[in-house]
Amino acid sequence: MEARVLLKCGECDVTREIVGEIPDEYTRSFLDAVEKDGWVPRPAGNNDLICRACLLKDYEGHESVDDEEKVLGRRNPLEP
């Protein structure tokens, strides 16, 4: 049986199709997306996946880039 799903980045419009015979080709197709294109679960997300570009752009170390000012004490952590 062939399976097909479309991965969509939770932060941008990038997509990647996962397709193949279950279980081997389908699993290899997903692993290929992870290894070559950098798809990962969004940090602290709700099971969304994000592409490598968004991961590198928006997250740094253990905190998101937009939280850096709060972590360094330059911005009130109670403000969004």
C-alpha atoms as a PDB file:
ATOM      1  CA  MET A   1       0.000   0.000   0.000  1.00  0.00           C
ATOM      2  CA  GLU A   2       1.309   3.439  -0.926  1.00  0.00           C
ATOM      3  CA  ALA A   3       0.982   6.328   1.513  1.00  0.00           C
ATOM      4  CA  ARG A   4       1.283  10.053   0.851  1.00  0.00           C
ATOM      5  CA  VAL A   5       1.355  13.109   3.099  1.00  0.00           C
ATOM      6  CA  LEU A   6       2.390  16.734   2.647  1.00  0.00           C
ATOM      7  CA  LEU A   7       4.603  18.277   5.310  1.00  0.00           C
ATOM      8  CA  LYS A   8       4.018  22.021   5.697  1.00  0.00           C
ATOM      9  CA  CYS A   9       6.325  24.205   7.754  1.00  0.00           C
ATOM     10  CA  GLY A  10       4.495  25.649  10.759  1.00  0.00           C
ATOM     11  CA  GLU A  11       6.216  29.019  10.270  1.00  0.00           C
ATOM     12  CA  CYS A  12       6.479  29.544   6.504  1.00  0.00           C
ATOM     13  CA  ASP A  13       5.014  28.182   3.250  1.00  0.00           C
ATOM     14  CA  VAL A  14       7.653  25.521   2.557  1.00  0.00           C
ATOM     15  CA  THR A  15       6.216  22.066   1.856  1.00  0.00           C
ATOM     16  CA  ARG A  16       7.646  18.591   1.306  1.00  0.00           C
ATOM     17  CA  GLU A  17       5.788  15.531   0.044  1.00  0.00           C
ATOM     18  CA  ILE A  18       6.366  12.215   1.796  1.00  0.00           C
ATOM     19  CA  VAL A  19       5.374   9.294  -0.414  1.00  0.00           C
ATOM     20  CA  GLY A  20       6.156   5.600  -0.690  1.00  0.00           C
ATOM     21  CA  GLU A  21       5.109   2.026  -0.117  1.00  0.00           C
ATOM     22  CA  ILE A  22       4.394   1.305   3.545  1.00  0.00           C
ATOM     23  CA  PRO A  23       6.401   0.736   5.615  1.00  0.00           C
ATOM     24  CA  ASP A  24       9.893   0.870   4.090  1.00  0.00           C
ATOM     25  CA  GLU A  25       9.708   3.464   1.273  1.00  0.00           C
ATOM     26  CA  TYR A  26       7.386   5.713   3.277  1.00  0.00           C
ATOM     27  CA  THR A  27       9.737   5.660   6.273  1.00  0.00           C
ATOM     28  CA  ARG A  28      12.779   6.277   4.065  1.00  0.00           C
ATOM     29  CA  SER A  29      11.011   9.224   2.419  1.00  0.00           C
ATOM     30  CA  PHE A  30      10.400  10.823   5.813  1.00  0.00           C
ATOM     31  CA  LEU A  31      13.971  10.144   6.961  1.00  0.00           C
ATOM     32  CA  ASP A  32      15.212  11.748   3.740  1.00  0.00           C
ATOM     33  CA  ALA A  33      13.178  14.896   4.529  1.00  0.00           C
ATOM     34  CA  VAL A  34      14.694  15.014   8.008  1.00  0.00           C
ATOM     35  CA  GLU A  35      18.289  14.328   6.951  1.00  0.00           C
ATOM     36  CA  LYS A  36      18.500  16.341   3.723  1.00  0.00           C
ATOM     37  CA  ASP A  37      15.987  19.149   4.265  1.00  0.00           C
ATOM     38  CA  GLY A  38      16.216  19.484   8.045  1.00  0.00           C
ATOM     39  CA  TRP A  39      12.557  18.969   9.004  1.00  0.00           C
ATOM     40  CA  VAL A  40      12.176  18.893  12.797  1.00  0.00           C
ATOM     41  CA  PRO A  41       9.384  19.317  15.376  1.00  0.00           C
ATOM     42  CA  ARG A  42       8.934  22.994  16.257  1.00  0.00           C
ATOM     43  CA  PRO A  43      10.518  23.705  19.658  1.00  0.00           C
ATOM     44  CA  ALA A  44       7.804  24.051  22.306  1.00  0.00           C
ATOM     45  CA  GLY A  45       5.218  23.662  19.566  1.00  0.00           C
ATOM     46  CA  ASN A  46       2.040  21.684  19.233  1.00  0.00           C
ATOM     47  CA  ASN A  47       3.405  18.866  17.063  1.00  0.00           C
ATOM     48  CA  ASP A  48       4.046  21.192  14.102  1.00  0.00           C
ATOM     49  CA  LEU A  49       7.080  20.531  11.946  1.00  0.00           C
ATOM     50  CA  ILE A  50       9.342  23.315  10.718  1.00  0.00           C
ATOM     51  CA  CYS A  51      11.954  23.459   7.984  1.00  0.00           C
ATOM     52  CA  ARG A  52      15.668  23.973   8.599  1.00  0.00           C
ATOM     53  CA  ALA A  53      15.581  27.589   7.404  1.00  0.00           C
ATOM     54  CA  CYS A  54      12.976  28.569  10.016  1.00  0.00           C
ATOM     55  CA  LEU A  55      14.794  26.648  12.728  1.00  0.00           C
ATOM     56  CA  LEU A  56      18.062  28.451  11.993  1.00  0.00           C
ATOM     57  CA  LYS A  57      16.365  31.831  11.568  1.00  0.00           C
ATOM     58  CA  ASP A  58      14.096  31.840  14.610  1.00  0.00           C
ATOM     59  CA  TYR A  59      15.797  29.693  17.236  1.00  0.00           C
ATOM     60  CA  GLU A  60      19.207  29.940  18.838  1.00  0.00           C
ATOM     61  CA  GLY A  61      20.547  27.705  21.580  1.00  0.00           C
ATOM     62  CA  HIS A  62      17.843  26.843  24.066  1.00  0.00           C
ATOM     63  CA  GLU A  63      15.808  30.030  23.662  1.00  0.00           C
ATOM     64  CA  SER A  64      14.079  31.504  20.652  1.00  0.00           C
ATOM     65  CA  VAL A  65      15.816  34.493  19.101  1.00  0.00           C
ATOM     66  CA  ASP A  66      12.938  36.822  19.976  1.00  0.00           C
ATOM     67  CA  ASP A  67      13.326  35.869  23.670  1.00  0.00           C
ATOM     68  CA  GLU A  68      17.013  36.802  23.779  1.00  0.00           C
ATOM     69  CA  GLU A  69      16.325  40.344  25.025  1.00  0.00           C
ATOM     70  CA  LYS A  70      14.184  38.953  27.867  1.00  0.00           C
ATOM     71  CA  VAL A  71      16.747  36.327  28.808  1.00  0.00           C
ATOM     72  CA  LEU A  72      19.509  38.939  28.919  1.00  0.00           C
ATOM     73  CA  GLY A  73      17.377  41.225  31.124  1.00  0.00           C
ATOM     74  CA  ARG A  74      17.034  43.970  28.521  1.00  0.00           C
ATOM     75  CA  ARG A  75      13.253  43.558  28.200  1.00  0.00           C
ATOM     76  CA  ASN A  76      10.447  42.907  30.685  1.00  0.00           C
ATOM     77  CA  PRO A  77       9.682  39.152  30.561  1.00  0.00           C
ATOM     78  CA  LEU A  78       6.004  39.858  31.312  1.00  0.00           C
ATOM     79  CA  GLU A  79       5.582  41.780  28.041  1.00  0.00           C
ATOM     80  CA  PRO A  80       4.957  39.821  24.820  1.00  0.00           C
END
